[in-house]
N, C-alpha and C. Protein backbone atom coordinates (compact mmCIF):
# COMPACT_ATOMS: atom_id res chain seq x y z
N MET A 1 -6.80 -2.38 -15.29
CA MET A 1 -6.28 -3.62 -15.19
C MET A 1 -4.93 -4.14 -13.43
N LYS A 2 -5.08 -4.88 -12.45
CA LYS A 2 -4.80 -4.72 -11.75
C LYS A 2 -3.88 -5.18 -11.72
N LYS A 3 -2.76 -4.54 -10.97
CA LYS A 3 -1.08 -4.79 -10.70
C LYS A 3 -0.65 -5.60 -9.27
N ALA A 4 0.08 -6.55 -9.30
CA ALA A 4 0.55 -7.08 -8.21
C ALA A 4 2.27 -6.88 -7.65
N PHE A 5 2.17 -6.51 -6.68
CA PHE A 5 3.47 -6.42 -6.13
C PHE A 5 3.69 -7.28 -4.52
N MET A 6 4.82 -7.71 -4.57
CA MET A 6 5.02 -8.00 -2.97
C MET A 6 5.38 -6.51 -2.15
N CYS A 7 4.70 -7.03 -0.92
CA CYS A 7 4.87 -5.98 0.08
C CYS A 7 4.64 -6.76 1.73
N SER A 8 4.77 -6.10 2.62
CA SER A 8 4.90 -5.81 3.77
C SER A 8 4.27 -5.40 4.74
N LEU A 9 3.29 -5.36 5.45
CA LEU A 9 2.64 -4.48 6.25
C LEU A 9 3.70 -3.77 7.52
N LEU A 10 3.86 -2.54 7.75
CA LEU A 10 4.99 -2.54 9.21
C LEU A 10 3.94 -2.34 10.38
N TYR A 11 2.98 -3.04 11.29
CA TYR A 11 2.55 -3.05 11.72
C TYR A 11 2.79 -4.01 13.00
N ASN A 12 3.22 -3.16 14.60
CA ASN A 12 3.29 -4.18 15.40
C ASN A 12 4.78 -6.02 14.95
N GLY A 13 5.08 -5.37 13.63
CA GLY A 13 6.77 -5.95 13.07
C GLY A 13 6.12 -5.62 11.93
N ILE A 14 6.54 -6.73 11.18
CA ILE A 14 5.65 -7.12 9.47
C ILE A 14 5.42 -8.28 9.10
N LEU A 15 4.49 -7.53 8.00
CA LEU A 15 3.34 -9.24 7.88
C LEU A 15 3.70 -8.97 6.81
N GLY A 16 3.82 -9.70 5.89
CA GLY A 16 4.15 -10.00 5.04
C GLY A 16 2.91 -10.52 3.76
N GLY A 17 2.41 -10.00 2.70
CA GLY A 17 1.41 -9.48 2.14
C GLY A 17 2.20 -9.49 0.50
N GLY A 18 0.37 -9.69 0.00
CA GLY A 18 1.00 -8.77 -1.28
C GLY A 18 0.06 -7.36 -1.80
N LEU A 19 0.18 -6.32 -1.83
CA LEU A 19 -0.03 -5.30 -2.63
C LEU A 19 -0.72 -5.68 -4.04
N TYR A 20 -2.16 -4.55 -3.91
CA TYR A 20 -2.47 -4.89 -5.45
C TYR A 20 -3.27 -3.68 -5.68
N LEU A 21 -2.91 -3.19 -7.15
CA LEU A 21 -2.94 -1.53 -7.17
C LEU A 21 -3.79 -2.17 -8.32
N ASP A 22 -5.00 -0.86 -8.70
CA ASP A 22 -6.27 -0.75 -9.77
C ASP A 22 -6.50 0.91 -9.91
N LYS A 23 -6.62 1.00 -10.54
CA LYS A 23 -7.66 2.23 -10.97
C LYS A 23 -7.93 3.06 -9.95
N GLN A 24 -9.04 2.47 -8.60
CA GLN A 24 -9.91 2.58 -7.56
C GLN A 24 -9.33 2.43 -6.58
N SER A 25 -7.74 1.56 -6.16
CA SER A 25 -7.60 1.49 -4.73
C SER A 25 -6.57 0.45 -4.43
N VAL A 26 -5.61 0.65 -3.69
CA VAL A 26 -4.53 -0.33 -2.62
C VAL A 26 -5.32 -0.57 -2.03
N THR A 27 -4.77 -1.64 -2.20
CA THR A 27 -5.30 -2.91 -1.48
C THR A 27 -4.13 -4.19 -0.95
N PHE A 28 -3.97 -4.46 -0.03
CA PHE A 28 -3.13 -5.44 0.66
C PHE A 28 -3.66 -6.30 1.30
N VAL A 29 -3.29 -7.82 1.16
CA VAL A 29 -3.99 -8.76 2.02
C VAL A 29 -3.23 -9.44 2.46
N CYS A 30 -3.03 -10.52 3.10
CA CYS A 30 -2.23 -10.99 4.57
C CYS A 30 -3.11 -11.92 4.00
N LYS A 31 -2.87 -13.68 4.04
CA LYS A 31 -2.90 -14.41 4.83
C LYS A 31 -2.16 -15.58 5.57
N LYS A 32 -1.60 -14.55 6.55
CA LYS A 32 -1.79 -15.70 7.66
C LYS A 32 -2.86 -15.43 8.80
N LEU A 33 -2.52 -17.11 9.41
CA LEU A 33 -3.89 -17.08 10.16
C LEU A 33 -3.90 -16.24 11.29
N THR A 34 -2.17 -15.91 11.40
CA THR A 34 -2.09 -14.64 13.19
C THR A 34 -2.48 -13.71 12.76
N VAL A 35 -2.88 -13.19 12.31
CA VAL A 35 -2.92 -12.14 11.88
C VAL A 35 -4.52 -11.22 12.39
N ASP A 36 -3.98 -10.23 13.38
CA ASP A 36 -5.35 -9.84 13.27
C ASP A 36 -6.51 -9.26 11.59
N LYS A 37 -8.17 -9.11 11.88
CA LYS A 37 -8.62 -9.21 10.54
C LYS A 37 -8.19 -7.79 10.22
N LYS A 38 -8.55 -7.70 10.47
CA LYS A 38 -8.38 -5.64 10.56
C LYS A 38 -7.03 -5.76 9.59
N TYR A 39 -6.11 -6.80 9.67
CA TYR A 39 -5.19 -5.73 9.21
C TYR A 39 -4.85 -7.70 8.11
N LYS A 40 -6.00 -8.25 7.86
CA LYS A 40 -5.82 -9.28 6.89
C LYS A 40 -6.04 -8.70 5.22
N THR A 41 -6.84 -8.04 5.09
CA THR A 41 -7.47 -7.23 4.03
C THR A 41 -7.72 -5.67 3.85
N ILE A 42 -6.67 -4.43 3.57
CA ILE A 42 -6.72 -2.93 4.07
C ILE A 42 -6.98 -2.29 2.29
N VAL A 43 -7.79 -1.80 2.28
CA VAL A 43 -8.58 -1.78 0.99
C VAL A 43 -7.89 0.02 1.49
N LEU A 44 -7.56 0.76 0.53
CA LEU A 44 -6.87 2.40 0.69
C LEU A 44 -8.00 3.21 -0.63
N PRO A 45 -8.52 3.27 -1.00
CA PRO A 45 -9.71 4.08 -2.32
C PRO A 45 -8.71 5.14 -2.25
N LEU A 46 -7.87 5.60 -3.68
CA LEU A 46 -7.01 6.37 -4.05
C LEU A 46 -7.52 7.59 -3.76
N ASN A 47 -9.26 7.56 -3.26
CA ASN A 47 -9.55 9.05 -3.99
C ASN A 47 -9.25 9.80 -2.44
N GLU A 48 -9.77 8.49 -1.43
CA GLU A 48 -9.06 8.83 -0.04
C GLU A 48 -7.91 8.85 0.42
N ILE A 49 -7.00 9.04 -0.59
CA ILE A 49 -5.10 8.94 0.20
C ILE A 49 -5.10 10.26 -0.15
N ASN A 50 -4.22 11.35 1.06
CA ASN A 50 -4.10 12.80 0.94
C ASN A 50 -3.13 12.27 0.34
N GLU A 51 -2.19 11.77 0.08
CA GLU A 51 -0.40 11.83 0.21
C GLU A 51 -0.45 10.58 0.39
N MET A 52 1.45 10.28 -0.43
CA MET A 52 1.87 8.90 -0.63
C MET A 52 3.27 9.48 0.28
N THR A 53 4.25 9.20 0.85
CA THR A 53 5.65 9.81 1.25
C THR A 53 6.70 8.26 0.98
N TRP A 54 7.96 8.54 0.65
CA TRP A 54 8.96 7.58 0.61
C TRP A 54 9.76 7.49 1.19
N LYS A 55 10.24 5.91 2.87
CA LYS A 55 11.42 6.69 3.41
C LYS A 55 12.92 5.39 3.23
N TRP A 56 13.82 4.88 3.77
CA TRP A 56 14.35 3.66 3.24
C TRP A 56 15.00 3.58 4.85
N MET A 57 14.78 2.46 4.82
CA MET A 57 15.16 1.64 5.81
C MET A 57 15.39 0.26 5.40
N PHE A 58 16.97 -0.21 4.91
CA PHE A 58 17.38 -1.05 4.24
C PHE A 58 16.57 -1.61 2.67
N PHE A 59 15.48 -1.48 3.19
CA PHE A 59 14.24 -1.11 1.65
C PHE A 59 13.15 -0.08 1.67
N PRO A 60 12.50 0.21 0.76
CA PRO A 60 11.94 1.73 0.57
C PRO A 60 10.95 1.40 0.84
N VAL A 61 10.00 2.21 2.07
CA VAL A 61 8.61 1.91 3.09
C VAL A 61 7.59 3.35 2.21
N ALA A 62 6.92 2.70 2.00
CA ALA A 62 6.26 3.87 1.48
C ALA A 62 5.00 4.46 3.43
N THR A 63 4.54 5.73 3.07
CA THR A 63 3.24 5.91 3.69
C THR A 63 2.82 6.72 3.20
N PHE A 64 1.02 5.29 3.14
CA PHE A 64 0.01 6.36 3.15
C PHE A 64 -0.56 7.19 3.62
N CYS A 65 -1.29 8.35 4.25
CA CYS A 65 -1.77 9.26 4.30
C CYS A 65 -2.69 9.77 4.11
N MET A 66 -3.70 8.67 4.74
CA MET A 66 -5.31 8.32 4.62
C MET A 66 -6.00 10.04 4.80
N ARG A 67 -6.91 10.49 4.70
CA ARG A 67 -8.37 11.99 4.87
C ARG A 67 -8.35 11.27 6.13
N ASN A 68 -8.43 10.06 6.72
CA ASN A 68 -10.04 10.14 8.03
C ASN A 68 -8.40 9.91 9.03
N GLY A 69 -7.33 10.35 8.75
CA GLY A 69 -5.83 10.82 9.68
C GLY A 69 -5.31 9.34 9.80
N GLU A 70 -5.58 8.63 9.52
CA GLU A 70 -5.03 6.91 9.58
C GLU A 70 -3.53 6.89 8.81
N LYS A 71 -2.52 6.09 8.58
CA LYS A 71 -1.18 6.28 8.21
C LYS A 71 -1.32 4.64 7.61
N TYR A 72 -0.74 4.35 6.97
CA TYR A 72 -0.52 2.96 7.08
C TYR A 72 0.86 2.67 6.03
N ARG A 73 2.03 1.84 6.83
CA ARG A 73 3.65 2.13 5.99
C ARG A 73 3.53 0.71 6.10
N MET A 74 4.43 0.65 4.63
CA MET A 74 4.06 -1.13 3.77
C MET A 74 5.45 -0.46 3.02
N LEU A 75 6.41 -1.41 3.43
CA LEU A 75 7.71 -2.31 2.77
C LEU A 75 6.99 -2.93 0.97
N ILE A 76 7.64 -1.46 -0.30
CA ILE A 76 7.05 -2.20 -0.63
C ILE A 76 8.15 -2.25 -2.13
N PHE A 77 8.07 -3.97 -2.28
CA PHE A 77 10.15 -4.19 -3.25
C PHE A 77 8.64 -3.51 -4.91
N ASN A 78 10.19 -3.97 -5.61
CA ASN A 78 10.13 -2.69 -7.01
C ASN A 78 9.46 -1.15 -7.28
N LYS A 79 10.27 -0.62 -5.95
CA LYS A 79 9.70 0.62 -5.28
C LYS A 79 9.62 1.89 -7.07
N CYS A 80 10.08 1.73 -8.57
CA CYS A 80 10.36 2.55 -9.32
C CYS A 80 9.07 2.06 -10.40
N ARG A 81 8.60 0.80 -9.84
CA ARG A 81 7.59 0.19 -10.77
C ARG A 81 5.70 0.66 -10.47
N PHE A 82 5.91 0.23 -8.47
CA PHE A 82 4.70 1.08 -8.16
C PHE A 82 4.47 2.37 -8.02
N GLU A 83 5.18 3.03 -8.41
CA GLU A 83 5.31 4.86 -8.05
C GLU A 83 4.81 4.80 -9.97
N LYS A 84 5.81 4.19 -10.52
CA LYS A 84 4.91 4.64 -12.22
C LYS A 84 3.23 4.57 -12.19
N TRP A 85 3.36 2.80 -11.40
CA TRP A 85 1.68 2.61 -11.93
C TRP A 85 0.72 3.60 -11.13
N PHE A 86 1.66 3.83 -9.65
CA PHE A 86 -0.04 4.91 -9.09
C PHE A 86 0.54 5.91 -9.49
N ARG A 87 1.01 6.69 -10.18
CA ARG A 87 1.01 7.72 -10.72
C ARG A 87 0.47 8.14 -11.94
N GLU A 88 0.20 7.11 -12.61
CA GLU A 88 -0.45 7.16 -13.64
C GLU A 88 -1.78 6.80 -13.39
N TYR A 89 -2.66 5.81 -12.18
CA TYR A 89 -3.26 5.94 -11.61
C TYR A 89 -4.41 6.89 -10.96
N CYS A 90 -3.07 7.13 -10.74
CA CYS A 90 -3.74 8.94 -9.82
C CYS A 90 -4.14 10.17 -10.72
N LEU A 91 -2.95 10.85 -11.52
CA LEU A 91 -3.14 11.07 -12.55
C LEU A 91 -4.76 10.94 -13.34
N ASN A 92 -5.23 9.44 -13.40
CA ASN A 92 -6.36 9.70 -14.42
C ASN A 92 -7.92 9.88 -13.58
N LYS A 93 -7.50 9.97 -12.44
CA LYS A 93 -8.70 9.81 -11.49
C LYS A 93 -9.21 11.38 -11.76
N GLN A 94 -8.23 12.39 -12.10
CA GLN A 94 -8.23 13.18 -12.14
C GLN A 94 -9.16 14.05 -13.22
């Protein structure tokens, strides 16, 4: 079952979009026309995420550190709900 969240990717500014979480991945989708194609849809497989950390910058910002060394910072609204489902999906993968 897919969960949806309001989100913004922090990359050269703030790129608004949606964040979708399911049992396989965290997916960021941005519908803006001026966004580089690389950042229109970002799929982060749960088994490729090394860690997720939080920082507060007026709003909660999650940093996803991937196994390949890439990092994605996202401002995620409704942090508590996201953490609950992220934890549940990650625990079910083990």
